[in-house]
Amino acid sequence: MAARQGGLGRGLGALIRDGVDAAPEAEQEQTEIPGIQRIPVDDITPCAFQPRREFDEDALGELAQSIRQRGVLQPLLVRKSGEGHELMAGERRLRASIQAGLADVPVIIMEADDEEALEVALVENLQREDLNIVEIADGYQLLLDRFALTHEQVADRVGCSRSAVTNALRIRELPDPVKAMLAEGKLSAGHAKLITGLAIPEEQVQIAEAAVAQDLSVRALEDLIKKMQRPPRKPRAMRQDIPASHVGHLSDRLHSHFGTSVRVTPSRTYANGKKGKGHIQIDFFSNEDLDRIIELIGLEID
């Protein structure tokens, strides 16, 4: 593990402390509480099973400012790792403490194996709603893969329903562009559940992009998907009242009689008994041509 290998095990403090302000002395002299110890931030390495990958820098800055003023109000959870400690829960607090200039932080040291460490990291983040739904899905998958748990067992470990675990895991099968929208909070778990119901990846991306672009609610997205999946309307059953062969013959006779193009569309009878009108179209190209056709029809125009 990196935490046990010389230069790689320096902890987060050595990685991101540059340029931070010193913490107030009140924090350094905080009253000790039974069960809670203070250990140097340099002795703490990140959790090998940390499900969270996204950290809002603005939110970290606000938390760091709060820590400068009031200290770390809730201790971090760690476990022994070689000569130092591995973080199990509280990475935001640790990062913000380092940003605030703290040399040490309050911790509770737990005895935990790898499975328990991952459970603690997952549950702590879930309770704080610190994970996006893609990170939650990846955390569940890690429990399944590393510890050979069932969906039911994962649900029992993290305190949710089996269906919630199953639905979250389906998110991992979505195309990367869709998962990125979910990780960024542009789409919700409700949107994701609908999108996973589509079988074609291209359609999943198309629908996700439409949902983001149009700021669709879950209900509106559901309506859009239903509309997209609705089969095209079948043409109404009908029959022509004049056989096609006779229509062609009639068009030819009229063309010869009028000396111009004539199109005949026969009337139709639909399955419900309703009639559709037919029509005859005779082309002409000038007023003189029109007069000629009218004369052939046998009309007298004053």
C-alpha atoms as a PDB file:
ATOM      1  CA  MET A   1       0.000   0.000   0.000  1.00  0.00           C
ATOM      2  CA  ALA A   2       1.307   3.486  -0.829  1.00  0.00           C
ATOM      3  CA  ALA A   3       0.870   4.616   2.777  1.00  0.00           C
ATOM      4  CA  ARG A   4       3.736   2.323   3.786  1.00  0.00           C
ATOM      5  CA  GLN A   5       6.262   3.274   1.137  1.00  0.00           C
ATOM      6  CA  GLY A   6       8.515   6.118   2.154  1.00  0.00           C
ATOM      7  CA  GLY A   7       7.860   9.242   0.087  1.00  0.00           C
ATOM      8  CA  LEU A   8       4.430   8.061  -1.104  1.00  0.00           C
ATOM      9  CA  GLY A   9       3.126   7.802   2.451  1.00  0.00           C
ATOM     10  CA  ARG A  10       3.465  11.439   3.468  1.00  0.00           C
ATOM     11  CA  GLY A  11      -0.302  11.971   3.752  1.00  0.00           C
ATOM     12  CA  LEU A  12      -2.500  14.699   2.297  1.00  0.00           C
ATOM     13  CA  GLY A  13      -0.800  17.369   4.386  1.00  0.00           C
ATOM     14  CA  ALA A  14       2.440  17.129   2.446  1.00  0.00           C
ATOM     15  CA  LEU A  15       0.538  17.196  -0.848  1.00  0.00           C
ATOM     16  CA  ILE A  16      -1.743  20.230  -0.517  1.00  0.00           C
ATOM     17  CA  ARG A  17      -0.496  22.303   2.393  1.00  0.00           C
ATOM     18  CA  ASP A  18       1.534  24.824   0.304  1.00  0.00           C
ATOM     19  CA  GLY A  19       0.495  28.420   0.921  1.00  0.00           C
ATOM     20  CA  VAL A  20      -2.107  27.797   3.667  1.00  0.00           C
ATOM     21  CA  ASP A  21      -2.745  30.121   6.572  1.00  0.00           C
ATOM     22  CA  ALA A  22      -1.960  29.046  10.102  1.00  0.00           C
ATOM     23  CA  ALA A  23      -4.856  27.807  12.220  1.00  0.00           C
ATOM     24  CA  PRO A  24      -5.874  29.716  15.341  1.00  0.00           C
ATOM     25  CA  GLU A  25      -4.168  28.767  18.585  1.00  0.00           C
ATOM     26  CA  ALA A  26      -7.563  27.948  20.063  1.00  0.00           C
ATOM     27  CA  GLU A  27      -7.737  24.973  17.714  1.00  0.00           C
ATOM     28  CA  GLN A  28      -4.306  23.740  18.742  1.00  0.00           C
ATOM     29  CA  GLU A  29      -5.249  23.906  22.425  1.00  0.00           C
ATOM     30  CA  GLN A  30      -8.700  22.331  22.053  1.00  0.00           C
ATOM     31  CA  THR A  31      -9.830  20.489  25.175  1.00  0.00           C
ATOM     32  CA  GLU A  32      -9.290  16.746  24.963  1.00  0.00           C
ATOM     33  CA  ILE A  33     -12.367  14.494  24.925  1.00  0.00           C
ATOM     34  CA  PRO A  34     -12.237  10.846  26.075  1.00  0.00           C
ATOM     35  CA  GLY A  35     -11.953   8.457  23.091  1.00  0.00           C
ATOM     36  CA  ILE A  36     -10.739  11.218  20.780  1.00  0.00           C
ATOM     37  CA  GLN A  37      -7.058  11.756  20.015  1.00  0.00           C
ATOM     38  CA  ARG A  38      -5.221  14.399  18.050  1.00  0.00           C
ATOM     39  CA  ILE A  39      -2.730  13.174  15.465  1.00  0.00           C
ATOM     40  CA  PRO A  40      -0.628  15.049  12.878  1.00  0.00           C
ATOM     41  CA  VAL A  41      -2.242  15.443   9.466  1.00  0.00           C
ATOM     42  CA  ASP A  42       1.006  14.166   7.930  1.00  0.00           C
ATOM     43  CA  ASP A  43       0.395  10.805   9.622  1.00  0.00           C
ATOM     44  CA  ILE A  44      -2.923  10.308   7.824  1.00  0.00           C
ATOM     45  CA  THR A  45      -3.085   8.757   4.362  1.00  0.00           C
ATOM     46  CA  PRO A  46      -6.203   8.721   2.133  1.00  0.00           C
ATOM     47  CA  CYS A  47      -8.589   5.789   2.348  1.00  0.00           C
ATOM     48  CA  ALA A  48      -7.764   3.115  -0.212  1.00  0.00           C
ATOM     49  CA  PHE A  49     -11.500   2.530  -0.594  1.00  0.00           C
ATOM     50  CA  GLN A  50     -12.674   6.142  -0.682  1.00  0.00           C
ATOM     51  CA  PRO A  51     -15.727   6.121  -2.977  1.00  0.00           C
ATOM     52  CA  ARG A  52     -15.740   9.884  -3.363  1.00  0.00           C
ATOM     53  CA  ARG A  53     -13.716  11.355  -6.240  1.00  0.00           C
ATOM     54  CA  GLU A  54     -15.244  14.825  -6.664  1.00  0.00           C
ATOM     55  CA  PHE A  55     -14.531  17.606  -4.162  1.00  0.00           C
ATOM     56  CA  ASP A  56     -16.082  21.050  -4.593  1.00  0.00           C
ATOM     57  CA  GLU A  57     -13.203  23.498  -4.105  1.00  0.00           C
ATOM     58  CA  ASP A  58     -15.502  26.386  -3.153  1.00  0.00           C
ATOM     59  CA  ALA A  59     -17.220  24.259  -0.513  1.00  0.00           C
ATOM     60  CA  LEU A  60     -13.819  23.132   0.786  1.00  0.00           C
ATOM     61  CA  GLY A  61     -12.764  26.761   1.101  1.00  0.00           C
ATOM     62  CA  GLU A  62     -15.885  27.585   3.113  1.00  0.00           C
ATOM     63  CA  LEU A  63     -15.309  24.591   5.381  1.00  0.00           C
ATOM     64  CA  ALA A  64     -11.664  25.611   5.863  1.00  0.00           C
ATOM     65  CA  GLN A  65     -12.779  29.093   6.936  1.00  0.00           C
ATOM     66  CA  SER A  66     -15.232  27.566   9.412  1.00  0.00           C
ATOM     67  CA  ILE A  67     -12.480  25.341  10.802  1.00  0.00           C
ATOM     68  CA  ARG A  68     -10.198  28.367  11.264  1.00  0.00           C
ATOM     69  CA  GLN A  69     -12.888  29.979  13.390  1.00  0.00           C
ATOM     70  CA  ARG A  70     -14.378  27.031  15.276  1.00  0.00           C
ATOM     71  CA  GLY A  71     -12.022  24.091  14.818  1.00  0.00           C
ATOM     72  CA  VAL A  72     -12.958  20.592  13.661  1.00  0.00           C
ATOM     73  CA  LEU A  73     -16.252  19.900  15.422  1.00  0.00           C
ATOM     74  CA  GLN A  74     -16.518  16.220  14.464  1.00  0.00           C
ATOM     75  CA  PRO A  75     -13.525  13.882  14.692  1.00  0.00           C
ATOM     76  CA  LEU A  76     -12.268  11.918  11.709  1.00  0.00           C
ATOM     77  CA  LEU A  77     -12.380   8.110  11.690  1.00  0.00           C
ATOM     78  CA  VAL A  78      -9.047   6.376  11.045  1.00  0.00           C
ATOM     79  CA  ARG A  79      -7.461   2.956  11.402  1.00  0.00           C
ATOM     80  CA  LYS A  80      -3.868   1.933  12.016  1.00  0.00           C
ATOM     81  CA  SER A  81      -1.803   1.511   8.859  1.00  0.00           C
ATOM     82  CA  GLY A  82       1.866   0.658   9.282  1.00  0.00           C
ATOM     83  CA  GLU A  83       3.430   3.420  11.355  1.00  0.00           C
ATOM     84  CA  GLY A  84       0.687   5.893  10.496  1.00  0.00           C
ATOM     85  CA  HIS A  85      -3.072   5.947  10.066  1.00  0.00           C
ATOM     86  CA  GLU A  86      -5.414   5.436   7.122  1.00  0.00           C
ATOM     87  CA  LEU A  87      -8.456   7.669   6.813  1.00  0.00           C
ATOM     88  CA  MET A  88     -11.802   5.877   6.864  1.00  0.00           C
ATOM     89  CA  ALA A  89     -14.234   8.791   7.046  1.00  0.00           C
ATOM     90  CA  GLY A  90     -13.836  12.565   6.915  1.00  0.00           C
ATOM     91  CA  GLU A  91     -11.710  13.341   3.858  1.00  0.00           C
ATOM     92  CA  ARG A  92     -13.446  16.699   3.310  1.00  0.00           C
ATOM     93  CA  ARG A  93     -12.699  17.668   6.900  1.00  0.00           C
ATOM     94  CA  LEU A  94      -9.092  16.525   6.522  1.00  0.00           C
ATOM     95  CA  ARG A  95      -8.564  18.462   3.284  1.00  0.00           C
ATOM     96  CA  ALA A  96     -10.200  21.555   4.739  1.00  0.00           C
ATOM     97  CA  SER A  97      -8.141  21.245   7.943  1.00  0.00           C
ATOM     98  CA  ILE A  98      -4.937  21.140   5.912  1.00  0.00           C
ATOM     99  CA  GLN A  99      -6.164  24.118   3.890  1.00  0.00           C
ATOM    100  CA  ALA A 100      -6.878  25.916   7.171  1.00  0.00           C
ATOM    101  CA  GLY A 101      -3.309  25.302   8.337  1.00  0.00           C
ATOM    102  CA  LEU A 102      -3.953  22.782  11.119  1.00  0.00           C
ATOM    103  CA  ALA A 103      -0.973  20.679  12.156  1.00  0.00           C
ATOM    104  CA  ASP A 104      -3.142  17.989  13.740  1.00  0.00           C
ATOM    105  CA  VAL A 105      -6.792  16.957  13.822  1.00  0.00           C
ATOM    106  CA  PRO A 106      -9.094  15.111  16.232  1.00  0.00           C
ATOM    107  CA  VAL A 107      -9.634  11.460  15.329  1.00  0.00           C
ATOM    108  CA  ILE A 108     -11.240   8.288  16.582  1.00  0.00           C
ATOM    109  CA  ILE A 109      -9.016   5.275  15.934  1.00  0.00           C
ATOM    110  CA  MET A 110     -11.026   2.188  14.977  1.00  0.00           C
ATOM    111  CA  GLU A 111     -10.086  -1.422  14.438  1.00  0.00           C
ATOM    112  CA  ALA A 112     -11.414  -2.345  11.021  1.00  0.00           C
ATOM    113  CA  ASP A 113     -10.609  -4.728   8.186  1.00  0.00           C
ATOM    114  CA  ASP A 114     -10.843  -3.707   4.528  1.00  0.00           C
ATOM    115  CA  GLU A 115     -14.529  -4.609   4.244  1.00  0.00           C
ATOM    116  CA  GLU A 116     -15.443  -2.605   7.336  1.00  0.00           C
ATOM    117  CA  ALA A 117     -13.316   0.327   6.159  1.00  0.00           C
ATOM    118  CA  LEU A 118     -15.177   0.465   2.851  1.00  0.00           C
ATOM    119  CA  GLU A 119     -18.537   0.169   4.611  1.00  0.00           C
ATOM    120  CA  VAL A 120     -17.660   3.047   6.938  1.00  0.00           C
ATOM    121  CA  ALA A 121     -16.487   5.220   4.031  1.00  0.00           C
ATOM    122  CA  LEU A 122     -19.644   4.499   2.047  1.00  0.00           C
ATOM    123  CA  VAL A 123     -22.100   4.927   4.904  1.00  0.00           C
ATOM    124  CA  GLU A 124     -20.475   8.106   6.198  1.00  0.00           C
ATOM    125  CA  ASN A 125     -20.626   9.720   2.780  1.00  0.00           C
ATOM    126  CA  LEU A 126     -24.158   8.485   2.118  1.00  0.00           C
ATOM    127  CA  GLN A 127     -25.424   9.855   5.426  1.00  0.00           C
ATOM    128  CA  ARG A 128     -23.884  13.223   4.613  1.00  0.00           C
ATOM    129  CA  GLU A 129     -25.161  13.037   1.010  1.00  0.00           C
ATOM    130  CA  ASP A 130     -21.595  13.751  -0.094  1.00  0.00           C
ATOM    131  CA  LEU A 131     -21.495  11.221  -2.944  1.00  0.00           C
ATOM    132  CA  ASN A 132     -22.953  11.656  -6.397  1.00  0.00           C
ATOM    133  CA  ILE A 133     -24.928   8.717  -7.726  1.00  0.00           C
ATOM    134  CA  VAL A 134     -22.105   7.466  -9.955  1.00  0.00           C
ATOM    135  CA  GLU A 135     -19.755   7.326  -6.953  1.00  0.00           C
ATOM    136  CA  ILE A 136     -22.442   5.500  -4.973  1.00  0.00           C
ATOM    137  CA  ALA A 137     -22.780   2.931  -7.759  1.00  0.00           C
ATOM    138  CA  ASP A 138     -19.007   2.446  -7.919  1.00  0.00           C
ATOM    139  CA  GLY A 139     -18.889   1.996  -4.136  1.00  0.00           C
ATOM    140  CA  TYR A 140     -21.569  -0.687  -4.267  1.00  0.00           C
ATOM    141  CA  GLN A 141     -19.710  -2.437  -7.082  1.00  0.00           C
ATOM    142  CA  LEU A 142     -16.508  -2.397  -5.027  1.00  0.00           C
ATOM    143  CA  LEU A 143     -18.323  -4.137  -2.174  1.00  0.00           C
ATOM    144  CA  LEU A 144     -19.671  -6.731  -4.608  1.00  0.00           C
ATOM    145  CA  ASP A 145     -16.353  -7.394  -6.332  1.00  0.00           C
ATOM    146  CA  ARG A 146     -13.892  -7.223  -3.455  1.00  0.00           C
ATOM    147  CA  PHE A 147     -15.939  -8.996  -0.819  1.00  0.00           C
ATOM    148  CA  ALA A 148     -18.227 -11.209  -2.953  1.00  0.00           C
ATOM    149  CA  LEU A 149     -21.401  -9.790  -1.437  1.00  0.00           C
ATOM    150  CA  THR A 150     -24.888 -10.085  -2.886  1.00  0.00           C
ATOM    151  CA  HIS A 151     -27.105  -7.082  -3.638  1.00  0.00           C
ATOM    152  CA  GLU A 152     -29.087  -7.962  -0.506  1.00  0.00           C
ATOM    153  CA  GLN A 153     -25.943  -8.002   1.642  1.00  0.00           C
ATOM    154  CA  VAL A 154     -24.731  -4.678   0.245  1.00  0.00           C
ATOM    155  CA  ALA A 155     -28.134  -3.150   0.985  1.00  0.00           C
ATOM    156  CA  ASP A 156     -27.970  -4.473   4.550  1.00  0.00           C
ATOM    157  CA  ARG A 157     -24.448  -3.086   5.038  1.00  0.00           C
ATOM    158  CA  VAL A 158     -25.234   0.451   3.883  1.00  0.00           C
ATOM    159  CA  GLY A 159     -28.809   0.632   5.154  1.00  0.00           C
ATOM    160  CA  CYS A 160     -30.870   0.876   1.966  1.00  0.00           C
ATOM    161  CA  SER A 161     -33.212  -1.336  -0.045  1.00  0.00           C
ATOM    162  CA  ARG A 162     -31.998  -4.065  -2.384  1.00  0.00           C
ATOM    163  CA  SER A 163     -33.779  -2.363  -5.297  1.00  0.00           C
ATOM    164  CA  ALA A 164     -31.876   0.864  -4.554  1.00  0.00           C
ATOM    165  CA  VAL A 165     -28.595  -1.049  -4.855  1.00  0.00           C
ATOM    166  CA  THR A 166     -29.706  -2.771  -8.072  1.00  0.00           C
ATOM    167  CA  ASN A 167     -30.899   0.485  -9.653  1.00  0.00           C
ATOM    168  CA  ALA A 168     -27.661   2.249  -8.694  1.00  0.00           C
ATOM    169  CA  LEU A 169     -25.533  -0.501 -10.219  1.00  0.00           C
ATOM    170  CA  ARG A 170     -27.364  -0.168 -13.538  1.00  0.00           C
ATOM    171  CA  ILE A 171     -25.977   3.367 -13.738  1.00  0.00           C
ATOM    172  CA  ARG A 172     -22.487   1.925 -14.214  1.00  0.00           C
ATOM    173  CA  GLU A 173     -23.633   0.434 -17.541  1.00  0.00           C
ATOM    174  CA  LEU A 174     -24.604   3.816 -18.996  1.00  0.00           C
ATOM    175  CA  PRO A 175     -22.393   5.510 -21.634  1.00  0.00           C
ATOM    176  CA  ASP A 176     -19.666   7.760 -20.234  1.00  0.00           C
ATOM    177  CA  PRO A 177     -21.309  11.022 -21.423  1.00  0.00           C
ATOM    178  CA  VAL A 178     -24.454  10.150 -19.461  1.00  0.00           C
ATOM    179  CA  LYS A 179     -22.475   9.192 -16.348  1.00  0.00           C
ATOM    180  CA  ALA A 180     -20.642  12.515 -16.566  1.00  0.00           C
ATOM    181  CA  MET A 181     -23.975  14.399 -16.547  1.00  0.00           C
ATOM    182  CA  LEU A 182     -25.058  12.388 -13.506  1.00  0.00           C
ATOM    183  CA  ALA A 183     -21.767  12.976 -11.679  1.00  0.00           C
ATOM    184  CA  GLU A 184     -22.044  16.720 -12.327  1.00  0.00           C
ATOM    185  CA  GLY A 185     -25.565  16.792 -10.912  1.00  0.00           C
ATOM    186  CA  LYS A 186     -27.171  17.754 -14.223  1.00  0.00           C
ATOM    187  CA  LEU A 187     -29.357  14.644 -14.026  1.00  0.00           C
ATOM    188  CA  SER A 188     -30.906  13.002 -10.965  1.00  0.00           C
ATOM    189  CA  ALA A 189     -31.249   9.372  -9.906  1.00  0.00           C
ATOM    190  CA  GLY A 190     -34.833   9.525 -11.176  1.00  0.00           C
ATOM    191  CA  HIS A 191     -33.621  10.589 -14.617  1.00  0.00           C
ATOM    192  CA  ALA A 192     -31.013   7.813 -14.531  1.00  0.00           C
ATOM    193  CA  LYS A 193     -33.612   5.143 -13.761  1.00  0.00           C
ATOM    194  CA  LEU A 194     -35.591   6.133 -16.864  1.00  0.00           C
ATOM    195  CA  ILE A 195     -32.524   6.333 -19.097  1.00  0.00           C
ATOM    196  CA  THR A 196     -31.283   2.883 -18.047  1.00  0.00           C
ATOM    197  CA  GLY A 197     -34.567   1.509 -19.380  1.00  0.00           C
ATOM    198  CA  LEU A 198     -33.469   2.361 -22.930  1.00  0.00           C
ATOM    199  CA  ALA A 199     -31.598  -0.451 -24.665  1.00  0.00           C
ATOM    200  CA  ILE A 200     -29.553   1.486 -27.240  1.00  0.00           C
ATOM    201  CA  PRO A 201     -26.571   3.540 -25.937  1.00  0.00           C
ATOM    202  CA  GLU A 202     -27.008   6.187 -28.634  1.00  0.00           C
ATOM    203  CA  GLU A 203     -30.611   6.710 -27.531  1.00  0.00           C
ATOM    204  CA  GLN A 204     -29.499   6.940 -23.897  1.00  0.00           C
ATOM    205  CA  VAL A 205     -27.073   9.740 -24.746  1.00  0.00           C
ATOM    206  CA  GLN A 206     -29.627  11.494 -26.965  1.00  0.00           C
ATOM    207  CA  ILE A 207     -32.327  11.430 -24.275  1.00  0.00           C
ATOM    208  CA  ALA A 208     -29.898  12.519 -21.542  1.00  0.00           C
ATOM    209  CA  GLU A 209     -28.713  15.473 -23.608  1.00  0.00           C
ATOM    210  CA  ALA A 210     -32.323  16.468 -24.319  1.00  0.00           C
ATOM    211  CA  ALA A 211     -33.182  16.282 -20.618  1.00  0.00           C
ATOM    212  CA  VAL A 212     -30.269  18.566 -19.709  1.00  0.00           C
ATOM    213  CA  ALA A 213     -30.772  21.005 -22.598  1.00  0.00           C
ATOM    214  CA  GLN A 214     -34.503  21.373 -21.914  1.00  0.00           C
ATOM    215  CA  ASP A 215     -34.175  21.159 -18.107  1.00  0.00           C
ATOM    216  CA  LEU A 216     -36.753  18.367 -18.066  1.00  0.00           C
ATOM    217  CA  SER A 217     -38.238  17.066 -14.842  1.00  0.00           C
ATOM    218  CA  VAL A 218     -38.370  13.310 -14.294  1.00  0.00           C
ATOM    219  CA  ARG A 219     -42.046  13.291 -15.288  1.00  0.00           C
ATOM    220  CA  ALA A 220     -41.369  15.327 -18.441  1.00  0.00           C
ATOM    221  CA  LEU A 221     -38.527  12.990 -19.384  1.00  0.00           C
ATOM    222  CA  GLU A 222     -40.815  10.001 -18.887  1.00  0.00           C
ATOM    223  CA  ASP A 223     -43.357  11.567 -21.253  1.00  0.00           C
ATOM    224  CA  LEU A 224     -40.644  12.238 -23.842  1.00  0.00           C
ATOM    225  CA  ILE A 225     -39.443   8.628 -23.718  1.00  0.00           C
ATOM    226  CA  LYS A 226     -43.002   7.308 -24.053  1.00  0.00           C
ATOM    227  CA  LYS A 227     -43.546   9.552 -27.057  1.00  0.00           C
ATOM    228  CA  MET A 228     -40.299   8.366 -28.615  1.00  0.00           C
ATOM    229  CA  GLN A 229     -41.202   4.710 -28.078  1.00  0.00           C
ATOM    230  CA  ARG A 230     -44.812   5.057 -29.276  1.00  0.00           C
ATOM    231  CA  PRO A 231     -45.260   2.973 -32.463  1.00  0.00           C
ATOM    232  CA  PRO A 232     -46.155   4.956 -35.585  1.00  0.00           C
ATOM    233  CA  ARG A 233     -49.837   5.121 -36.380  1.00  0.00           C
ATOM    234  CA  LYS A 234     -50.917   2.529 -38.890  1.00  0.00           C
ATOM    235  CA  PRO A 235     -52.613   3.903 -41.985  1.00  0.00           C
ATOM    236  CA  ARG A 236     -56.344   3.409 -41.900  1.00  0.00           C
ATOM    237  CA  ALA A 237     -57.561   0.428 -43.887  1.00  0.00           C
ATOM    238  CA  MET A 238     -59.355   1.553 -47.041  1.00  0.00           C
ATOM    239  CA  ARG A 239     -60.074   0.592 -50.638  1.00  0.00           C
ATOM    240  CA  GLN A 240     -60.250   2.638 -53.825  1.00  0.00           C
ATOM    241  CA  ASP A 241     -63.706   2.806 -55.358  1.00  0.00           C
ATOM    242  CA  ILE A 242     -62.210   2.552 -58.874  1.00  0.00           C
ATOM    243  CA  PRO A 243     -59.646  -0.160 -59.702  1.00  0.00           C
ATOM    244  CA  ALA A 244     -56.133   1.166 -60.301  1.00  0.00           C
ATOM    245  CA  SER A 245     -56.050  -0.224 -63.850  1.00  0.00           C
ATOM    246  CA  HIS A 246     -59.208   1.674 -64.734  1.00  0.00           C
ATOM    247  CA  VAL A 247     -57.821   4.890 -63.192  1.00  0.00           C
ATOM    248  CA  GLY A 248     -54.779   4.670 -65.478  1.00  0.00           C
ATOM    249  CA  HIS A 249     -56.916   4.042 -68.552  1.00  0.00           C
ATOM    250  CA  LEU A 250     -59.236   6.931 -67.645  1.00  0.00           C
ATOM    251  CA  SER A 251     -56.288   9.319 -67.161  1.00  0.00           C
ATOM    252  CA  ASP A 252     -54.934   8.434 -70.589  1.00  0.00           C
ATOM    253  CA  ARG A 253     -58.333   9.011 -72.277  1.00  0.00           C
ATOM    254  CA  LEU A 254     -58.753  12.407 -70.574  1.00  0.00           C
ATOM    255  CA  HIS A 255     -55.212  13.393 -71.523  1.00  0.00           C
ATOM    256  CA  SER A 256     -55.986  12.650 -75.175  1.00  0.00           C
ATOM    257  CA  HIS A 257     -59.294  14.502 -75.037  1.00  0.00           C
ATOM    258  CA  PHE A 258     -58.003  17.705 -73.404  1.00  0.00           C
ATOM    259  CA  GLY A 259     -54.522  17.689 -74.877  1.00  0.00           C
ATOM    260  CA  THR A 260     -52.906  18.269 -71.487  1.00  0.00           C
ATOM    261  CA  SER A 261     -51.911  16.352 -68.378  1.00  0.00           C
ATOM    262  CA  VAL A 262     -54.857  15.020 -66.376  1.00  0.00           C
ATOM    263  CA  ARG A 263     -54.534  13.235 -63.003  1.00  0.00           C
ATOM    264  CA  VAL A 264     -57.399  11.198 -61.585  1.00  0.00           C
ATOM    265  CA  THR A 265     -57.536  10.347 -57.846  1.00  0.00           C
ATOM    266  CA  PRO A 266     -60.383   7.935 -57.144  1.00  0.00           C
ATOM    267  CA  SER A 267     -62.659   8.208 -54.136  1.00  0.00           C
ATOM    268  CA  ARG A 268     -61.978   5.846 -51.202  1.00  0.00           C
ATOM    269  CA  THR A 269     -64.089   3.834 -48.783  1.00  0.00           C
ATOM    270  CA  TYR A 270     -62.594   3.263 -45.283  1.00  0.00           C
ATOM    271  CA  ALA A 271     -63.113   0.265 -43.009  1.00  0.00           C
ATOM    272  CA  ASN A 272     -65.537   2.249 -40.847  1.00  0.00           C
ATOM    273  CA  GLY A 273     -67.702   2.965 -43.907  1.00  0.00           C
ATOM    274  CA  LYS A 274     -66.700   6.601 -44.296  1.00  0.00           C
ATOM    275  CA  LYS A 275     -66.009   7.950 -47.771  1.00  0.00           C
ATOM    276  CA  GLY A 276     -62.975   9.879 -48.933  1.00  0.00           C
ATOM    277  CA  LYS A 277     -63.396  12.214 -51.872  1.00  0.00           C
ATOM    278  CA  GLY A 278     -61.704  11.777 -55.243  1.00  0.00           C
ATOM    279  CA  HIS A 279     -60.665  14.505 -57.645  1.00  0.00           C
ATOM    280  CA  ILE A 280     -59.545  15.255 -61.209  1.00  0.00           C
ATOM    281  CA  GLN A 281     -56.712  17.693 -61.898  1.00  0.00           C
ATOM    282  CA  ILE A 282     -56.424  19.230 -65.399  1.00  0.00           C
ATOM    283  CA  ASP A 283     -53.347  21.319 -66.157  1.00  0.00           C
ATOM    284  CA  PHE A 284     -53.448  24.506 -68.261  1.00  0.00           C
ATOM    285  CA  PHE A 285     -50.754  27.042 -69.055  1.00  0.00           C
ATOM    286  CA  SER A 286     -52.501  30.252 -70.174  1.00  0.00           C
ATOM    287  CA  ASN A 287     -55.896  31.929 -70.323  1.00  0.00           C
ATOM    288  CA  GLU A 288     -56.265  30.792 -73.922  1.00  0.00           C
ATOM    289  CA  ASP A 289     -55.482  27.230 -72.838  1.00  0.00           C
ATOM    290  CA  LEU A 290     -58.119  27.485 -70.101  1.00  0.00           C
ATOM    291  CA  ASP A 291     -60.707  28.770 -72.585  1.00  0.00           C
ATOM    292  CA  ARG A 292     -59.908  25.838 -74.865  1.00  0.00           C
ATOM    293  CA  ILE A 293     -60.420  23.308 -72.052  1.00  0.00           C
ATOM    294  CA  ILE A 294     -63.696  24.959 -70.979  1.00  0.00           C
ATOM    295  CA  GLU A 295     -64.930  24.752 -74.570  1.00  0.00           C
ATOM    296  CA  LEU A 296     -64.007  21.052 -74.713  1.00  0.00           C
ATOM    297  CA  ILE A 297     -65.965  20.481 -71.499  1.00  0.00           C
ATOM    298  CA  GLY A 298     -68.936  22.152 -73.207  1.00  0.00           C
ATOM    299  CA  LEU A 299     -69.401  25.138 -70.911  1.00  0.00           C
ATOM    300  CA  GLU A 300     -70.387  28.571 -72.185  1.00  0.00           C
ATOM    301  CA  ILE A 301     -68.825  31.461 -70.253  1.00  0.00           C
ATOM    302  CA  ASP A 302     -70.394  34.937 -70.768  1.00  0.00           C
END
